[in-house]
Amino acid sequence: MADPGYHRPPVLFTPHLETIYPALFRKVNVAKPVRERINTPDDDFLDLDYYRQGANHCVIISHGLEGNSTRAYIRGMAKAMLDAGFDVIAWNYRGCSGELNRQRRFYHSGATDDLATVVSHAAAKYPAISLVGFSLGGNLTLKYLGDGQHHPAISKAVAFSVPMDLYTSCLEISKPGNWIYARRFLKSLKLKVRTKAAVRTDLPMADLDTVNTLMEFDNVFTGPVHGFKDAMDYYTRCSSLPVLPNINVPTLVVNAKNDPFLSSACYPAASAASRSVVLEYPEHGGHVGFARFGQKGLYWSDMRAVAFLAH
């Protein structure tokens, strides 16, 4: 677990500044993607943003909780990959592209079937595919790789700011010092559920008004709606930490030691993963931060991913 050499800008002198500044102020100039909608096996849809330049190697980028394909960290990574010669697909989870999905289910940290659908779609056009995931998307990426049935076109993967242990990470983000993040996520999730409940009558709405934490939300909604007994069953079955020993493609995981979202369990020793997995824990970076100024809008995380995937 070597320190890969990230040094935060002096002005971003706390983990919260490292996390919040990029989310609010980062600007990325990248070509406009082409939106393509694909169908899922259960008669739903996924919206994909394609950045094409004729490459034969495509990078599929997965966003974080309540994110989407237009977030600055996604677009920044897309720009870096385009500059390095890759094509890019930035995909939106169910209900995250600005339009309600058709089925009862939403998305969650272990919905590897949807990532598999995107990969299969891309593999019909590209002989080589790499994966990049952020936060929830990082867990999804690692879970997909570790479950043992990934597509043979997958060559490498990179995951940043990954809550590899979902239960303890949920406890971490729910601590008083992180209330601003937890409240924002919970507000967005509850609004999405209420919007969907206006057109569906089969959602468990009875207890939604009493939900005050993310764990309560997962207990009364995420778990039951997606076939889990409760929040703990969901966390146990969808955490990527237990499947790290099963990953057999070169994979880089980067978790900043000062990430306010991650528990100590999200920094496993090398012995907890297969030899294909490289674990890097820089001292700084925040959550999906890793800001760097004066590099044409590209952040350190963008260049670290390019360096790993291109060599």
Protein backbone atom coordinates (compact mmCIF):
# COMPACT_ATOMS: atom_id res chain seq x y z
CA MET A 1 0.00 0.00 0.00
CA ALA A 2 2.45 2.59 -1.20
CA ASP A 3 1.66 6.27 -0.89
CA PRO A 4 1.09 7.29 -4.53
CA GLY A 5 2.23 10.82 -3.88
CA TYR A 6 -0.91 12.95 -3.79
CA HIS A 7 -0.40 16.33 -2.12
CA ARG A 8 -3.47 18.47 -1.51
CA PRO A 9 -3.49 22.20 -2.34
CA PRO A 10 -2.71 24.23 0.81
CA VAL A 11 -6.03 26.08 0.55
CA LEU A 12 -7.92 22.79 0.97
CA PHE A 13 -6.62 22.18 4.46
CA THR A 14 -9.40 19.98 5.89
CA PRO A 15 -11.01 16.75 4.68
CA HIS A 16 -14.34 18.56 4.31
CA LEU A 17 -12.85 21.26 2.12
CA GLU A 18 -11.19 18.58 0.01
CA THR A 19 -14.58 16.89 -0.39
CA ILE A 20 -16.88 19.89 -0.84
CA TYR A 21 -14.77 22.22 -3.00
CA PRO A 22 -14.61 19.90 -6.05
CA ALA A 23 -18.32 19.12 -5.78
CA LEU A 24 -19.29 22.79 -5.81
CA PHE A 25 -16.66 24.58 -7.86
CA ARG A 26 -14.90 22.20 -10.24
CA LYS A 27 -15.30 23.11 -13.92
CA VAL A 28 -14.51 20.68 -16.72
CA ASN A 29 -14.42 21.45 -20.43
CA VAL A 30 -15.05 18.27 -22.36
CA ALA A 31 -16.86 17.45 -25.58
CA LYS A 32 -20.60 16.90 -25.28
CA PRO A 33 -21.41 13.19 -25.12
CA VAL A 34 -24.06 11.34 -27.12
CA ARG A 35 -26.86 9.97 -24.94
CA GLU A 36 -27.91 6.41 -25.71
CA ARG A 37 -30.63 4.43 -23.96
CA ILE A 38 -30.31 0.67 -23.63
CA ASN A 39 -32.84 -1.84 -22.35
CA THR A 40 -32.30 -4.13 -19.38
CA PRO A 41 -33.40 -7.79 -19.26
CA ASP A 42 -36.27 -6.88 -16.91
CA ASP A 43 -37.81 -4.31 -19.30
CA ASP A 44 -36.23 -1.24 -17.75
CA PHE A 45 -33.67 1.13 -19.23
CA LEU A 46 -30.26 2.64 -18.57
CA ASP A 47 -29.05 5.95 -20.04
CA LEU A 48 -25.44 6.01 -21.22
CA ASP A 49 -23.34 9.01 -22.19
CA TYR A 50 -20.93 8.04 -24.97
CA TYR A 51 -17.69 9.89 -25.68
CA ARG A 52 -16.48 8.38 -28.96
CA GLN A 53 -13.29 9.01 -30.91
CA GLY A 54 -12.80 5.71 -32.71
CA ALA A 55 -10.78 3.88 -30.06
CA ASN A 56 -10.95 0.11 -29.62
CA HIS A 57 -10.66 0.34 -25.84
CA CYS A 58 -13.58 1.77 -23.84
CA VAL A 59 -13.58 2.97 -20.22
CA ILE A 60 -16.89 2.60 -18.38
CA ILE A 61 -17.30 5.10 -15.51
CA SER A 62 -19.69 4.50 -12.61
CA HIS A 63 -20.85 7.40 -10.42
CA GLY A 64 -21.57 7.70 -6.70
CA LEU A 65 -24.69 7.77 -4.53
CA GLU A 66 -27.31 10.14 -5.99
CA GLY A 67 -24.84 11.20 -8.67
CA ASN A 68 -25.16 11.00 -12.43
CA SER A 69 -23.09 11.06 -15.60
CA THR A 70 -22.86 14.87 -15.66
CA ARG A 71 -21.07 15.34 -12.35
CA ALA A 72 -17.73 17.12 -12.56
CA TYR A 73 -15.74 14.13 -11.29
CA ILE A 74 -17.27 11.96 -14.02
CA ARG A 75 -16.69 14.50 -16.76
CA GLY A 76 -13.14 15.13 -15.54
CA MET A 77 -12.34 11.45 -15.69
CA ALA A 78 -13.94 11.25 -19.14
CA LYS A 79 -11.74 14.10 -20.37
CA ALA A 80 -8.60 12.46 -19.01
CA MET A 81 -9.48 9.16 -20.66
CA LEU A 82 -10.27 10.83 -23.97
CA ASP A 83 -6.94 12.65 -23.84
CA ALA A 84 -5.24 9.30 -23.26
CA GLY A 85 -6.86 7.78 -26.34
CA PHE A 86 -9.78 5.82 -24.88
CA ASP A 87 -13.47 5.96 -25.72
CA VAL A 88 -15.71 6.47 -22.69
CA ILE A 89 -19.14 5.45 -21.46
CA ALA A 90 -20.42 7.33 -18.41
CA TRP A 91 -23.60 5.56 -17.38
CA ASN A 92 -26.51 6.51 -15.16
CA TYR A 93 -28.03 4.12 -12.65
CA ARG A 94 -31.75 3.49 -12.72
CA GLY A 95 -33.59 6.72 -11.96
CA CYS A 96 -30.44 8.86 -12.02
CA SER A 97 -30.59 10.30 -15.56
CA GLY A 98 -33.42 12.75 -14.86
CA GLU A 99 -36.23 10.34 -15.70
CA LEU A 100 -37.96 7.75 -13.52
CA ASN A 101 -37.15 4.18 -14.41
CA ARG A 102 -39.99 1.81 -15.23
CA GLN A 103 -39.57 -0.96 -12.69
CA ARG A 104 -40.22 -0.97 -8.95
CA ARG A 105 -36.54 -1.29 -8.15
CA PHE A 106 -34.06 1.58 -8.06
CA TYR A 107 -30.28 1.23 -7.83
CA HIS A 108 -28.05 0.18 -4.95
CA SER A 109 -24.44 -0.56 -4.01
CA GLY A 110 -24.57 -4.16 -5.18
CA ALA A 111 -26.61 -3.89 -8.39
CA THR A 112 -23.94 -5.62 -10.45
CA ASP A 113 -26.52 -6.90 -12.92
CA ASP A 114 -26.93 -3.39 -14.34
CA LEU A 115 -23.18 -2.90 -14.66
CA ALA A 116 -23.02 -6.27 -16.39
CA THR A 117 -25.68 -5.07 -18.85
CA VAL A 118 -23.61 -1.99 -19.68
CA VAL A 119 -20.43 -4.04 -20.06
CA SER A 120 -22.13 -6.53 -22.38
CA HIS A 121 -23.49 -3.68 -24.48
CA ALA A 122 -20.02 -2.12 -24.75
CA ALA A 123 -18.33 -5.45 -25.45
CA ALA A 124 -20.33 -5.80 -28.65
CA LYS A 125 -18.39 -2.80 -29.97
CA TYR A 126 -15.08 -2.85 -28.10
CA PRO A 127 -12.58 -5.71 -27.74
CA ALA A 128 -11.14 -4.17 -24.57
CA ILE A 129 -12.95 -2.54 -21.64
CA SER A 130 -11.70 -0.97 -18.42
CA LEU A 131 -13.79 0.13 -15.46
CA VAL A 132 -13.58 3.21 -13.24
CA GLY A 133 -15.85 3.70 -10.24
CA PHE A 134 -16.30 6.38 -7.60
CA SER A 135 -17.67 5.78 -4.09
CA LEU A 136 -20.83 3.64 -4.48
CA GLY A 137 -19.72 3.09 -8.08
CA GLY A 138 -16.36 1.91 -6.79
CA ASN A 139 -18.01 -0.65 -4.54
CA LEU A 140 -20.21 -1.72 -7.44
CA THR A 141 -17.16 -2.12 -9.67
CA LEU A 142 -15.23 -4.22 -7.14
CA LYS A 143 -18.29 -6.34 -6.34
CA TYR A 144 -18.85 -6.99 -10.04
CA LEU A 145 -15.23 -8.08 -10.48
CA GLY A 146 -15.12 -10.13 -7.30
CA ASP A 147 -18.34 -12.03 -7.85
CA GLY A 148 -16.50 -14.07 -10.45
CA GLN A 149 -18.61 -13.70 -13.58
CA HIS A 150 -17.24 -10.56 -15.18
CA HIS A 151 -17.01 -10.24 -18.94
CA PRO A 152 -13.74 -11.50 -20.48
CA ALA A 153 -13.26 -8.16 -22.28
CA ILE A 154 -12.49 -6.48 -18.94
CA SER A 155 -8.78 -5.71 -18.80
CA LYS A 156 -8.29 -3.39 -15.81
CA ALA A 157 -10.21 -1.39 -13.21
CA VAL A 158 -9.77 1.58 -10.88
CA ALA A 159 -11.93 2.50 -7.88
CA PHE A 160 -11.75 5.68 -5.80
CA SER A 161 -13.17 6.52 -2.36
CA VAL A 162 -14.75 3.10 -1.94
CA PRO A 163 -16.98 2.20 1.05
CA MET A 164 -15.88 -1.41 0.85
CA ASP A 165 -17.63 -2.21 4.13
CA LEU A 166 -21.10 -0.74 3.76
CA TYR A 167 -22.27 -1.13 7.36
CA THR A 168 -19.38 0.60 9.08
CA SER A 169 -19.22 3.25 6.35
CA CYS A 170 -22.88 4.01 6.92
CA LEU A 171 -22.09 4.45 10.61
CA GLU A 172 -19.20 6.75 9.68
CA ILE A 173 -21.19 9.07 7.43
CA SER A 174 -23.91 9.22 10.09
CA LYS A 175 -21.59 10.67 12.73
CA PRO A 176 -22.37 14.25 13.88
CA GLY A 177 -19.36 15.68 12.04
CA ASN A 178 -20.73 14.39 8.74
CA TRP A 179 -24.36 15.48 9.15
CA ILE A 180 -24.24 17.78 6.12
CA TYR A 181 -23.51 14.86 3.79
CA ALA A 182 -25.97 12.41 5.36
CA ARG A 183 -28.78 14.97 5.38
CA ARG A 184 -28.20 15.87 1.72
CA PHE A 185 -28.20 12.24 0.58
CA LEU A 186 -31.27 11.37 2.63
CA LYS A 187 -33.22 14.37 1.34
CA SER A 188 -32.43 13.43 -2.26
CA LEU A 189 -33.26 9.75 -1.79
CA LYS A 190 -36.60 10.43 -0.08
CA LEU A 191 -37.59 12.91 -2.79
CA LYS A 192 -36.82 10.31 -5.45
CA VAL A 193 -38.93 7.73 -3.68
CA ARG A 194 -41.86 10.12 -3.23
CA THR A 195 -41.69 11.13 -6.89
CA LYS A 196 -41.86 7.51 -7.96
CA ALA A 197 -44.61 6.72 -5.46
CA ALA A 198 -46.79 9.26 -7.26
CA VAL A 199 -46.95 6.90 -10.25
CA ARG A 200 -46.61 3.54 -8.46
CA THR A 201 -48.60 2.07 -5.61
CA ASP A 202 -46.29 -0.85 -4.74
CA LEU A 203 -43.57 0.99 -2.81
CA PRO A 204 -43.22 0.70 1.00
CA MET A 205 -44.18 4.27 1.89
CA ALA A 206 -45.75 3.73 5.32
CA ASP A 207 -42.57 4.37 7.31
CA LEU A 208 -40.76 6.80 5.01
CA ASP A 209 -41.77 9.89 7.02
CA THR A 210 -40.19 8.38 10.14
CA VAL A 211 -36.84 7.76 8.45
CA ASN A 212 -34.15 10.09 9.79
CA THR A 213 -30.91 8.30 8.92
CA LEU A 214 -29.44 6.54 5.91
CA MET A 215 -29.44 3.25 7.78
CA GLU A 216 -33.13 3.62 8.53
CA PHE A 217 -33.74 4.36 4.85
CA ASP A 218 -31.87 1.20 3.86
CA ASN A 219 -33.79 -0.77 6.48
CA VAL A 220 -37.27 0.25 5.38
CA PHE A 221 -36.65 0.89 1.69
CA THR A 222 -33.40 -0.10 -0.05
CA GLY A 223 -33.27 -3.52 1.57
CA PRO A 224 -36.88 -4.70 1.15
CA VAL A 225 -37.38 -3.20 -2.33
CA HIS A 226 -34.29 -4.97 -3.67
CA GLY A 227 -34.83 -8.39 -2.17
CA PHE A 228 -32.86 -8.07 1.07
CA LYS A 229 -34.26 -8.83 4.52
CA ASP A 230 -33.17 -5.50 5.99
CA ALA A 231 -30.30 -3.01 5.98
CA MET A 232 -27.83 -5.41 7.57
CA ASP A 233 -28.61 -8.13 5.05
CA TYR A 234 -28.11 -5.58 2.27
CA TYR A 235 -24.80 -4.35 3.68
CA THR A 236 -23.51 -7.86 4.25
CA ARG A 237 -24.38 -9.18 0.81
CA CYS A 238 -23.36 -6.10 -1.17
CA SER A 239 -20.08 -5.01 0.44
CA SER A 240 -17.09 -5.48 -1.84
CA LEU A 241 -14.58 -6.11 0.96
CA PRO A 242 -15.23 -9.88 1.21
CA VAL A 243 -14.75 -10.41 -2.54
CA LEU A 244 -11.38 -8.63 -2.89
CA PRO A 245 -9.56 -12.00 -2.79
CA ASN A 246 -11.54 -13.13 -5.85
CA ILE A 247 -10.59 -10.30 -8.20
CA ASN A 248 -8.39 -11.60 -11.01
CA VAL A 249 -7.91 -8.57 -13.26
CA PRO A 250 -5.43 -5.77 -12.45
CA THR A 251 -7.33 -3.40 -10.17
CA LEU A 252 -6.32 -0.21 -8.35
CA VAL A 253 -8.18 0.95 -5.25
CA VAL A 254 -7.44 4.45 -3.92
CA ASN A 255 -8.93 5.53 -0.57
CA ALA A 256 -7.70 8.71 1.08
CA LYS A 257 -6.88 8.19 4.75
CA ASN A 258 -8.81 11.35 5.62
CA ASP A 259 -11.97 10.42 3.71
CA PRO A 260 -14.86 11.49 5.98
CA PHE A 261 -17.17 8.80 4.57
CA LEU A 262 -15.00 5.74 5.15
CA SER A 263 -14.56 3.55 8.20
CA SER A 264 -11.30 1.89 9.22
CA ALA A 265 -12.56 -1.32 7.59
CA CYS A 266 -12.22 0.37 4.21
CA TYR A 267 -8.43 0.29 4.44
CA PRO A 268 -7.70 -3.44 4.40
CA ALA A 269 -4.20 -4.86 4.37
CA ALA A 270 -2.80 -6.24 1.15
CA SER A 271 -3.34 -9.75 2.51
CA ALA A 272 -7.11 -9.16 2.38
CA ALA A 273 -7.05 -8.87 -1.42
CA SER A 274 -5.77 -10.90 -4.33
CA ARG A 275 -2.42 -10.19 -5.92
CA SER A 276 -4.27 -8.51 -8.79
CA VAL A 277 -5.42 -5.70 -6.49
CA VAL A 278 -3.25 -2.68 -5.70
CA LEU A 279 -4.34 -0.79 -2.58
CA GLU A 280 -3.24 2.84 -2.21
CA TYR A 281 -4.06 5.03 0.76
CA PRO A 282 -2.80 8.61 0.34
CA GLU A 283 -2.82 10.77 3.47
CA HIS A 284 -5.15 13.31 1.87
CA GLY A 285 -7.81 13.51 -0.80
CA GLY A 286 -11.12 13.64 1.06
CA HIS A 287 -14.06 11.85 -0.53
CA VAL A 288 -13.97 11.90 -4.35
CA GLY A 289 -11.67 14.90 -4.03
CA PHE A 290 -7.98 14.66 -4.96
CA ALA A 291 -8.06 18.21 -6.31
CA ARG A 292 -5.16 19.61 -8.24
CA PHE A 293 -5.04 23.11 -9.69
CA GLY A 294 -3.52 24.36 -12.93
CA GLN A 295 -3.71 21.11 -14.89
CA LYS A 296 -6.32 22.03 -17.51
CA GLY A 297 -9.11 21.01 -15.18
CA LEU A 298 -7.76 17.53 -14.53
CA TYR A 299 -7.36 16.26 -10.99
CA TRP A 300 -4.75 13.95 -9.52
CA SER A 301 -7.26 11.07 -9.49
CA ASP A 302 -7.82 11.44 -13.23
CA MET A 303 -4.13 11.16 -13.98
CA ARG A 304 -3.60 8.32 -11.50
CA ALA A 305 -6.34 6.32 -13.25
CA VAL A 306 -4.86 7.03 -16.68
CA ALA A 307 -1.40 5.96 -15.52
CA PHE A 308 -2.77 2.65 -14.21
CA LEU A 309 -5.00 1.83 -17.17
CA ALA A 310 -2.59 2.87 -19.90
CA HIS A 311 0.38 0.78 -18.77
